[in-house]
N, C-alpha and C. Protein backbone atom coordinates (compact mmCIF):
# COMPACT_ATOMS: atom_id res chain seq x y z
N UNK A 1 14.49 -11.03 -7.51
CA UNK A 1 13.95 -9.74 -7.14
C UNK A 1 14.70 -8.67 -7.91
N UNK A 2 13.93 -7.75 -8.40
CA UNK A 2 14.47 -6.62 -9.14
C UNK A 2 14.92 -5.54 -8.16
N UNK A 3 16.12 -5.00 -8.35
CA UNK A 3 16.66 -3.99 -7.44
C UNK A 3 16.68 -2.60 -8.06
N UNK A 4 16.17 -2.49 -9.28
CA UNK A 4 16.01 -1.21 -9.96
C UNK A 4 14.56 -1.13 -10.41
N UNK A 5 13.83 -0.16 -9.89
CA UNK A 5 12.40 -0.02 -10.19
C UNK A 5 12.06 1.44 -10.44
N UNK A 6 10.96 1.62 -11.12
CA UNK A 6 10.39 2.95 -11.29
C UNK A 6 9.30 3.13 -10.24
N UNK A 7 9.54 4.03 -9.31
CA UNK A 7 8.54 4.30 -8.28
C UNK A 7 7.28 4.89 -8.92
N UNK A 8 7.46 5.70 -9.95
CA UNK A 8 6.29 6.25 -10.65
C UNK A 8 5.44 5.14 -11.26
N UNK A 9 6.09 4.13 -11.82
CA UNK A 9 5.34 3.01 -12.43
C UNK A 9 4.61 2.20 -11.36
N UNK A 10 5.24 2.02 -10.22
CA UNK A 10 4.58 1.31 -9.12
C UNK A 10 3.30 2.04 -8.74
N UNK A 11 3.39 3.35 -8.61
CA UNK A 11 2.21 4.17 -8.28
C UNK A 11 1.16 4.05 -9.38
N UNK A 12 1.57 4.22 -10.63
CA UNK A 12 0.63 4.17 -11.75
C UNK A 12 -0.03 2.80 -11.89
N UNK A 13 0.75 1.74 -11.72
CA UNK A 13 0.18 0.40 -11.82
C UNK A 13 -0.84 0.14 -10.72
N UNK A 14 -0.53 0.56 -9.49
CA UNK A 14 -1.49 0.38 -8.39
C UNK A 14 -2.79 1.14 -8.69
N UNK A 15 -2.66 2.37 -9.16
CA UNK A 15 -3.85 3.15 -9.50
C UNK A 15 -4.65 2.49 -10.61
N UNK A 16 -3.95 1.97 -11.60
CA UNK A 16 -4.62 1.33 -12.74
C UNK A 16 -5.31 0.03 -12.34
N UNK A 17 -4.68 -0.77 -11.48
CA UNK A 17 -5.34 -1.98 -10.97
C UNK A 17 -6.68 -1.62 -10.33
N UNK A 18 -6.71 -0.54 -9.57
CA UNK A 18 -7.94 -0.10 -8.91
C UNK A 18 -8.91 0.47 -9.94
N UNK A 19 -8.42 1.36 -10.77
CA UNK A 19 -9.27 2.04 -11.76
C UNK A 19 -10.00 1.04 -12.65
N UNK A 20 -9.29 0.00 -13.10
CA UNK A 20 -9.89 -1.02 -13.99
C UNK A 20 -10.85 -1.94 -13.25
N UNK A 21 -10.79 -1.92 -11.93
CA UNK A 21 -11.65 -2.82 -11.16
C UNK A 21 -11.03 -4.18 -10.93
N UNK A 22 -9.74 -4.32 -11.23
CA UNK A 22 -9.07 -5.59 -10.98
C UNK A 22 -8.98 -5.87 -9.49
N UNK A 23 -8.58 -4.85 -8.74
CA UNK A 23 -8.37 -4.98 -7.31
C UNK A 23 -8.86 -3.73 -6.59
N UNK A 24 -9.13 -3.89 -5.29
CA UNK A 24 -9.35 -2.74 -4.43
C UNK A 24 -7.98 -2.25 -3.93
N UNK A 25 -8.00 -1.20 -3.14
CA UNK A 25 -6.80 -0.48 -2.71
C UNK A 25 -5.68 -1.37 -2.17
N UNK A 26 -5.94 -2.11 -1.11
CA UNK A 26 -4.88 -2.90 -0.48
C UNK A 26 -4.34 -3.96 -1.43
N UNK A 27 -5.22 -4.59 -2.18
CA UNK A 27 -4.81 -5.62 -3.13
C UNK A 27 -3.98 -5.02 -4.26
N UNK A 28 -4.40 -3.85 -4.74
CA UNK A 28 -3.71 -3.18 -5.85
C UNK A 28 -2.28 -2.81 -5.46
N UNK A 29 -2.09 -2.38 -4.23
CA UNK A 29 -0.75 -2.02 -3.77
C UNK A 29 0.14 -3.26 -3.71
N UNK A 30 -0.34 -4.32 -3.08
CA UNK A 30 0.45 -5.54 -2.98
C UNK A 30 0.75 -6.08 -4.39
N UNK A 31 -0.23 -6.07 -5.28
CA UNK A 31 -0.03 -6.58 -6.64
C UNK A 31 1.01 -5.75 -7.40
N UNK A 32 0.95 -4.44 -7.26
CA UNK A 32 1.90 -3.57 -7.95
C UNK A 32 3.32 -3.75 -7.42
N UNK A 33 3.46 -3.83 -6.10
CA UNK A 33 4.77 -4.05 -5.49
C UNK A 33 5.31 -5.41 -5.97
N UNK A 34 4.47 -6.42 -5.92
CA UNK A 34 4.88 -7.78 -6.34
C UNK A 34 5.36 -7.77 -7.79
N UNK A 35 4.57 -7.17 -8.66
CA UNK A 35 4.88 -7.18 -10.09
C UNK A 35 6.13 -6.35 -10.41
N UNK A 36 6.21 -5.17 -9.87
CA UNK A 36 7.31 -4.27 -10.24
C UNK A 36 8.65 -4.66 -9.65
N UNK A 37 8.65 -5.23 -8.45
CA UNK A 37 9.89 -5.72 -7.87
C UNK A 37 10.20 -7.14 -8.34
N UNK A 38 9.28 -7.70 -9.14
CA UNK A 38 9.41 -9.08 -9.65
C UNK A 38 9.73 -10.04 -8.50
N UNK A 39 8.87 -9.99 -7.51
CA UNK A 39 9.07 -10.79 -6.29
C UNK A 39 8.65 -12.23 -6.48
N UNK A 40 9.34 -13.10 -5.83
CA UNK A 40 8.96 -14.51 -5.78
C UNK A 40 7.93 -14.65 -4.65
N UNK A 41 6.87 -13.91 -4.80
CA UNK A 41 5.80 -13.84 -3.80
C UNK A 41 4.59 -14.57 -4.37
N UNK A 42 4.05 -15.52 -3.66
CA UNK A 42 2.87 -16.21 -4.18
C UNK A 42 1.70 -15.24 -4.37
N UNK A 43 0.90 -15.50 -5.39
CA UNK A 43 -0.28 -14.67 -5.64
C UNK A 43 -1.21 -14.64 -4.42
N UNK A 44 -1.13 -15.67 -3.60
CA UNK A 44 -1.97 -15.71 -2.40
C UNK A 44 -1.69 -14.54 -1.46
N UNK A 45 -0.53 -13.92 -1.60
CA UNK A 45 -0.25 -12.73 -0.78
C UNK A 45 -1.18 -11.58 -1.18
N UNK A 46 -1.54 -11.52 -2.46
CA UNK A 46 -2.52 -10.52 -2.89
C UNK A 46 -3.86 -10.86 -2.24
N UNK A 47 -4.19 -12.15 -2.23
CA UNK A 47 -5.44 -12.59 -1.61
C UNK A 47 -5.49 -12.22 -0.13
N UNK A 48 -4.34 -12.27 0.54
CA UNK A 48 -4.29 -11.90 1.96
C UNK A 48 -4.71 -10.45 2.18
N UNK A 49 -4.59 -9.63 1.15
CA UNK A 49 -4.95 -8.22 1.26
C UNK A 49 -6.44 -7.98 0.97
N UNK A 50 -7.17 -9.02 0.60
CA UNK A 50 -8.57 -8.85 0.17
C UNK A 50 -9.54 -8.46 1.28
N UNK A 51 -9.19 -8.64 2.52
CA UNK A 51 -10.09 -8.30 3.61
C UNK A 51 -9.96 -6.86 4.11
N UNK A 52 -9.00 -6.11 3.56
CA UNK A 52 -8.72 -4.78 4.08
C UNK A 52 -9.46 -3.63 3.41
N UNK A 53 -9.95 -3.77 2.17
CA UNK A 53 -10.61 -2.63 1.53
C UNK A 53 -11.82 -2.11 2.30
N UNK A 54 -12.09 -0.86 2.03
CA UNK A 54 -13.21 -0.13 2.63
C UNK A 54 -13.08 -0.16 4.16
N UNK A 55 -11.86 0.08 4.59
CA UNK A 55 -11.61 0.24 6.02
C UNK A 55 -11.67 -1.04 6.81
N UNK A 56 -11.16 -2.12 6.31
CA UNK A 56 -11.14 -3.46 6.90
C UNK A 56 -12.54 -4.06 6.88
N UNK A 57 -12.77 -4.85 5.85
CA UNK A 57 -14.03 -5.58 5.75
C UNK A 57 -15.26 -4.70 5.69
N UNK A 58 -15.16 -3.56 5.03
CA UNK A 58 -16.26 -2.59 4.89
C UNK A 58 -16.65 -1.93 6.21
N UNK A 59 -15.80 -2.01 7.22
CA UNK A 59 -16.13 -1.37 8.50
C UNK A 59 -15.83 0.11 8.49
N UNK A 60 -15.11 0.56 7.47
CA UNK A 60 -14.71 1.95 7.31
C UNK A 60 -13.81 2.43 8.45
N UNK A 61 -12.97 1.52 8.95
CA UNK A 61 -11.98 1.92 9.96
C UNK A 61 -10.72 2.40 9.24
N UNK A 62 -9.60 1.74 9.41
CA UNK A 62 -8.34 2.17 8.80
C UNK A 62 -8.42 2.03 7.28
N UNK A 63 -8.03 3.08 6.58
CA UNK A 63 -8.01 3.08 5.12
C UNK A 63 -7.28 1.84 4.61
N UNK A 64 -7.89 1.10 3.69
CA UNK A 64 -7.31 -0.12 3.16
C UNK A 64 -5.99 0.10 2.45
N UNK A 65 -5.79 1.28 1.88
CA UNK A 65 -4.51 1.56 1.22
C UNK A 65 -3.37 1.50 2.23
N UNK A 66 -3.60 2.02 3.42
CA UNK A 66 -2.59 1.97 4.48
C UNK A 66 -2.28 0.50 4.79
N UNK A 67 -3.30 -0.31 4.92
CA UNK A 67 -3.10 -1.73 5.22
C UNK A 67 -2.28 -2.41 4.14
N UNK A 68 -2.58 -2.15 2.88
CA UNK A 68 -1.82 -2.75 1.78
C UNK A 68 -0.37 -2.31 1.77
N UNK A 69 -0.14 -1.04 2.07
CA UNK A 69 1.22 -0.53 2.13
C UNK A 69 2.01 -1.16 3.26
N UNK A 70 1.38 -1.32 4.39
CA UNK A 70 2.06 -1.92 5.54
C UNK A 70 2.31 -3.41 5.30
N UNK A 71 1.38 -4.10 4.65
CA UNK A 71 1.62 -5.50 4.29
C UNK A 71 2.84 -5.61 3.37
N UNK A 72 2.94 -4.69 2.43
CA UNK A 72 4.08 -4.71 1.51
C UNK A 72 5.39 -4.47 2.24
N UNK A 73 5.40 -3.53 3.16
CA UNK A 73 6.61 -3.30 3.96
C UNK A 73 6.95 -4.54 4.78
N UNK A 74 5.94 -5.18 5.33
CA UNK A 74 6.15 -6.38 6.12
C UNK A 74 6.79 -7.50 5.31
N UNK A 75 6.44 -7.59 4.04
CA UNK A 75 7.03 -8.62 3.19
C UNK A 75 8.55 -8.45 3.14
N UNK A 76 9.00 -7.21 3.00
CA UNK A 76 10.43 -6.93 2.88
C UNK A 76 11.16 -6.92 4.22
N UNK A 77 10.49 -6.41 5.25
CA UNK A 77 11.21 -6.12 6.49
C UNK A 77 10.69 -6.88 7.71
N UNK A 78 9.58 -7.59 7.57
CA UNK A 78 8.97 -8.27 8.71
C UNK A 78 9.72 -9.52 9.14
N UNK A 79 9.30 -10.03 10.25
CA UNK A 79 9.95 -11.23 10.80
C UNK A 79 9.11 -12.47 10.53
N UNK A 80 9.78 -13.59 10.52
CA UNK A 80 9.10 -14.87 10.34
C UNK A 80 9.37 -15.81 11.50
N UNK A 81 10.15 -15.36 12.46
CA UNK A 81 10.46 -16.18 13.64
C UNK A 81 10.22 -15.35 14.90
N UNK A 82 9.59 -15.97 15.87
CA UNK A 82 9.35 -15.30 17.14
C UNK A 82 10.67 -14.85 17.76
N UNK A 83 10.63 -13.71 18.40
CA UNK A 83 11.81 -13.21 19.08
C UNK A 83 12.76 -12.42 18.18
N UNK A 84 12.53 -12.45 16.86
CA UNK A 84 13.39 -11.70 15.94
C UNK A 84 13.19 -10.21 16.19
N UNK A 85 14.25 -9.52 16.50
CA UNK A 85 14.15 -8.10 16.87
C UNK A 85 14.00 -7.17 15.68
N UNK A 86 14.11 -7.69 14.45
CA UNK A 86 13.93 -6.79 13.30
C UNK A 86 12.51 -6.24 13.22
N UNK A 87 11.61 -6.79 14.02
CA UNK A 87 10.25 -6.27 14.07
C UNK A 87 10.25 -4.79 14.46
N UNK A 88 11.22 -4.38 15.26
CA UNK A 88 11.28 -2.97 15.69
C UNK A 88 11.46 -2.04 14.49
N UNK A 89 12.30 -2.42 13.54
CA UNK A 89 12.50 -1.61 12.34
C UNK A 89 11.23 -1.62 11.49
N UNK A 90 10.59 -2.77 11.40
CA UNK A 90 9.35 -2.87 10.62
C UNK A 90 8.28 -1.95 11.20
N UNK A 91 8.17 -1.91 12.51
CA UNK A 91 7.21 -1.02 13.16
C UNK A 91 7.54 0.44 12.87
N UNK A 92 8.81 0.77 12.90
CA UNK A 92 9.24 2.15 12.61
C UNK A 92 8.87 2.54 11.17
N UNK A 93 9.09 1.64 10.23
CA UNK A 93 8.78 1.93 8.82
C UNK A 93 7.27 2.00 8.59
N UNK A 94 6.52 1.12 9.25
CA UNK A 94 5.05 1.17 9.15
C UNK A 94 4.53 2.48 9.71
N UNK A 95 5.13 2.93 10.80
CA UNK A 95 4.72 4.20 11.39
C UNK A 95 5.03 5.36 10.44
N UNK A 96 6.19 5.29 9.79
CA UNK A 96 6.55 6.33 8.81
C UNK A 96 5.50 6.41 7.70
N UNK A 97 5.08 5.25 7.22
CA UNK A 97 4.09 5.20 6.14
C UNK A 97 2.77 5.82 6.58
N UNK A 98 2.27 5.39 7.73
CA UNK A 98 0.97 5.91 8.17
C UNK A 98 1.05 7.37 8.57
N UNK A 99 2.16 7.81 9.13
CA UNK A 99 2.33 9.22 9.48
C UNK A 99 2.35 10.10 8.23
N UNK A 100 2.96 9.60 7.16
CA UNK A 100 2.97 10.32 5.89
C UNK A 100 1.54 10.56 5.41
N UNK A 101 0.73 9.51 5.45
CA UNK A 101 -0.67 9.63 5.03
C UNK A 101 -1.43 10.58 5.96
N UNK A 102 -1.21 10.42 7.25
CA UNK A 102 -1.91 11.26 8.22
C UNK A 102 -1.52 12.73 8.05
N UNK A 103 -0.27 12.99 7.76
CA UNK A 103 0.17 14.37 7.53
C UNK A 103 -0.52 14.97 6.31
N UNK A 104 -0.78 14.16 5.31
CA UNK A 104 -1.44 14.64 4.09
C UNK A 104 -2.95 14.75 4.22
N UNK A 105 -3.55 13.90 5.06
CA UNK A 105 -5.02 13.81 5.08
C UNK A 105 -5.64 13.93 6.47
N UNK A 106 -4.83 14.14 7.48
CA UNK A 106 -5.25 14.36 8.87
C UNK A 106 -5.70 13.11 9.61
N UNK A 107 -6.26 12.13 8.92
CA UNK A 107 -6.79 10.93 9.58
C UNK A 107 -6.51 9.69 8.74
N UNK A 108 -6.63 8.52 9.36
CA UNK A 108 -6.49 7.24 8.67
C UNK A 108 -7.84 6.56 8.48
N UNK A 109 -8.86 7.13 9.07
CA UNK A 109 -10.18 6.53 9.14
C UNK A 109 -10.95 6.68 7.82
N UNK A 110 -11.27 5.56 7.20
CA UNK A 110 -12.02 5.55 5.95
C UNK A 110 -13.36 6.28 6.09
N UNK A 111 -14.02 6.09 7.22
CA UNK A 111 -15.33 6.72 7.44
C UNK A 111 -15.24 8.24 7.34
N UNK A 112 -14.18 8.81 7.90
CA UNK A 112 -14.00 10.26 7.84
C UNK A 112 -13.51 10.69 6.46
N UNK A 113 -12.61 9.94 5.88
CA UNK A 113 -12.07 10.27 4.56
C UNK A 113 -13.14 10.26 3.48
N UNK A 114 -14.16 9.43 3.65
CA UNK A 114 -15.21 9.31 2.63
C UNK A 114 -16.54 9.93 3.08
N UNK A 115 -16.50 10.66 4.17
CA UNK A 115 -17.73 11.26 4.72
C UNK A 115 -18.46 12.08 3.65
N UNK A 116 -19.75 11.81 3.52
CA UNK A 116 -20.59 12.53 2.57
C UNK A 116 -20.48 12.04 1.13
N UNK A 117 -19.67 11.04 0.90
CA UNK A 117 -19.52 10.50 -0.46
C UNK A 117 -20.39 9.27 -0.64
N UNK A 118 -20.95 9.14 -1.82
CA UNK A 118 -21.65 7.92 -2.20
C UNK A 118 -20.57 6.89 -2.53
N UNK A 119 -20.58 5.75 -1.86
CA UNK A 119 -19.51 4.76 -2.02
C UNK A 119 -19.39 4.24 -3.46
N UNK A 120 -20.38 4.41 -4.27
CA UNK A 120 -20.29 3.97 -5.66
C UNK A 120 -20.00 5.10 -6.63
N UNK A 121 -19.81 6.30 -6.10
CA UNK A 121 -19.67 7.48 -6.97
C UNK A 121 -18.28 7.61 -7.54
N UNK A 122 -18.18 8.42 -8.58
CA UNK A 122 -16.88 8.73 -9.17
C UNK A 122 -15.98 9.45 -8.20
N UNK A 123 -16.57 10.33 -7.38
CA UNK A 123 -15.78 11.08 -6.40
C UNK A 123 -15.08 10.13 -5.43
N UNK A 124 -15.82 9.17 -4.92
CA UNK A 124 -15.26 8.19 -3.98
C UNK A 124 -14.18 7.36 -4.66
N UNK A 125 -14.48 6.84 -5.83
CA UNK A 125 -13.52 6.00 -6.54
C UNK A 125 -12.24 6.77 -6.86
N UNK A 126 -12.39 8.00 -7.33
CA UNK A 126 -11.21 8.80 -7.67
C UNK A 126 -10.35 9.07 -6.45
N UNK A 127 -10.98 9.35 -5.32
CA UNK A 127 -10.21 9.58 -4.10
C UNK A 127 -9.47 8.32 -3.69
N UNK A 128 -10.12 7.19 -3.76
CA UNK A 128 -9.48 5.93 -3.36
C UNK A 128 -8.36 5.54 -4.32
N UNK A 129 -8.53 5.81 -5.60
CA UNK A 129 -7.45 5.58 -6.57
C UNK A 129 -6.25 6.44 -6.20
N UNK A 130 -6.51 7.67 -5.86
CA UNK A 130 -5.43 8.59 -5.47
C UNK A 130 -4.71 8.10 -4.21
N UNK A 131 -5.47 7.68 -3.20
CA UNK A 131 -4.87 7.17 -1.96
C UNK A 131 -4.04 5.91 -2.25
N UNK A 132 -4.56 5.06 -3.13
CA UNK A 132 -3.85 3.83 -3.50
C UNK A 132 -2.51 4.16 -4.13
N UNK A 133 -2.50 5.09 -5.06
CA UNK A 133 -1.25 5.50 -5.69
C UNK A 133 -0.29 6.15 -4.72
N UNK A 134 -0.82 7.00 -3.86
CA UNK A 134 0.01 7.68 -2.87
C UNK A 134 0.74 6.69 -1.96
N UNK A 135 0.01 5.70 -1.47
CA UNK A 135 0.61 4.75 -0.54
C UNK A 135 1.52 3.76 -1.27
N UNK A 136 1.16 3.35 -2.47
CA UNK A 136 2.07 2.49 -3.25
C UNK A 136 3.39 3.21 -3.48
N UNK A 137 3.30 4.49 -3.81
CA UNK A 137 4.50 5.29 -4.05
C UNK A 137 5.35 5.42 -2.78
N UNK A 138 4.71 5.74 -1.67
CA UNK A 138 5.45 5.92 -0.41
C UNK A 138 6.06 4.61 0.06
N UNK A 139 5.32 3.51 -0.04
CA UNK A 139 5.87 2.21 0.36
C UNK A 139 7.07 1.87 -0.51
N UNK A 140 6.96 2.10 -1.81
CA UNK A 140 8.08 1.82 -2.72
C UNK A 140 9.28 2.70 -2.39
N UNK A 141 9.04 3.97 -2.07
CA UNK A 141 10.14 4.86 -1.69
C UNK A 141 10.88 4.32 -0.46
N UNK A 142 10.12 3.86 0.52
CA UNK A 142 10.73 3.32 1.74
C UNK A 142 11.54 2.06 1.41
N UNK A 143 10.97 1.17 0.63
CA UNK A 143 11.66 -0.07 0.26
C UNK A 143 12.96 0.25 -0.48
N UNK A 144 12.88 1.13 -1.46
CA UNK A 144 14.06 1.50 -2.25
C UNK A 144 15.12 2.14 -1.36
N UNK A 145 14.71 3.04 -0.49
CA UNK A 145 15.65 3.72 0.41
C UNK A 145 16.32 2.75 1.38
N UNK A 146 15.51 1.93 2.02
CA UNK A 146 16.03 1.04 3.06
C UNK A 146 16.90 -0.08 2.52
N UNK A 147 16.63 -0.53 1.30
CA UNK A 147 17.41 -1.63 0.73
C UNK A 147 18.47 -1.13 -0.25
N UNK A 148 18.58 0.19 -0.34
CA UNK A 148 19.56 0.82 -1.22
C UNK A 148 19.40 0.34 -2.66
N UNK A 149 18.15 0.23 -3.09
CA UNK A 149 17.82 -0.11 -4.47
C UNK A 149 17.88 1.17 -5.29
N UNK A 150 17.65 1.05 -6.59
CA UNK A 150 17.71 2.18 -7.51
C UNK A 150 16.31 2.54 -7.98
N UNK A 151 15.99 3.83 -7.86
CA UNK A 151 14.77 4.37 -8.44
C UNK A 151 15.13 4.84 -9.84
N UNK A 152 14.65 4.16 -10.85
CA UNK A 152 15.01 4.51 -12.23
C UNK A 152 14.38 5.80 -12.71
N UNK A 153 13.53 6.41 -11.93
CA UNK A 153 12.91 7.69 -12.29
C UNK A 153 13.90 8.85 -12.17
N UNK A 154 14.96 8.65 -11.43
CA UNK A 154 15.91 9.75 -11.17
C UNK A 154 16.97 9.81 -12.22
C-alpha cells in the first residue's frame, strides 16, 4: 500500500474513469482509490460497487458516489469480525463523508439531484462526474488524515 498519494490525482482519475465510460460513479471511486493507493484489493471489490450507480440499482435513492466513497472508507476502516468495536469509527467517518456532500448539495437523493435532467444528457453526466470527483477527493482526504499518510499535493 502506498502511503504517499496525490489527492488531486485520485479525484481526477475517478472523474476520468466516469467521463470515459469505464465505470459509473461508485465503481470509479473504488477503482481510483484502489489504483492510487496501490492496494492489494481484488478487482472484484470494484465489481461490488456496480449495483450502486443511479441511486442504488437505478432507483435514484442515495447518490452512488456516496456509496462508492463509503465502500472505500470501509475498506480501510471497517471491521471483518463480529463484535469489533472499530465499526464506531467507520460509522463516524462515513457520516463525515455524507455530511460533507449534504452540506454542499443539501440532499443525498439522486432523484432530487438530477430532477429535470435527461439521464443521458451532458448536463446529467457532467454533474455526476463532478460528484464522483468530489467524493473521491473527500474520501481520500479522510483516509490520508486518519492514517497519517502524505498528500503529495501539499
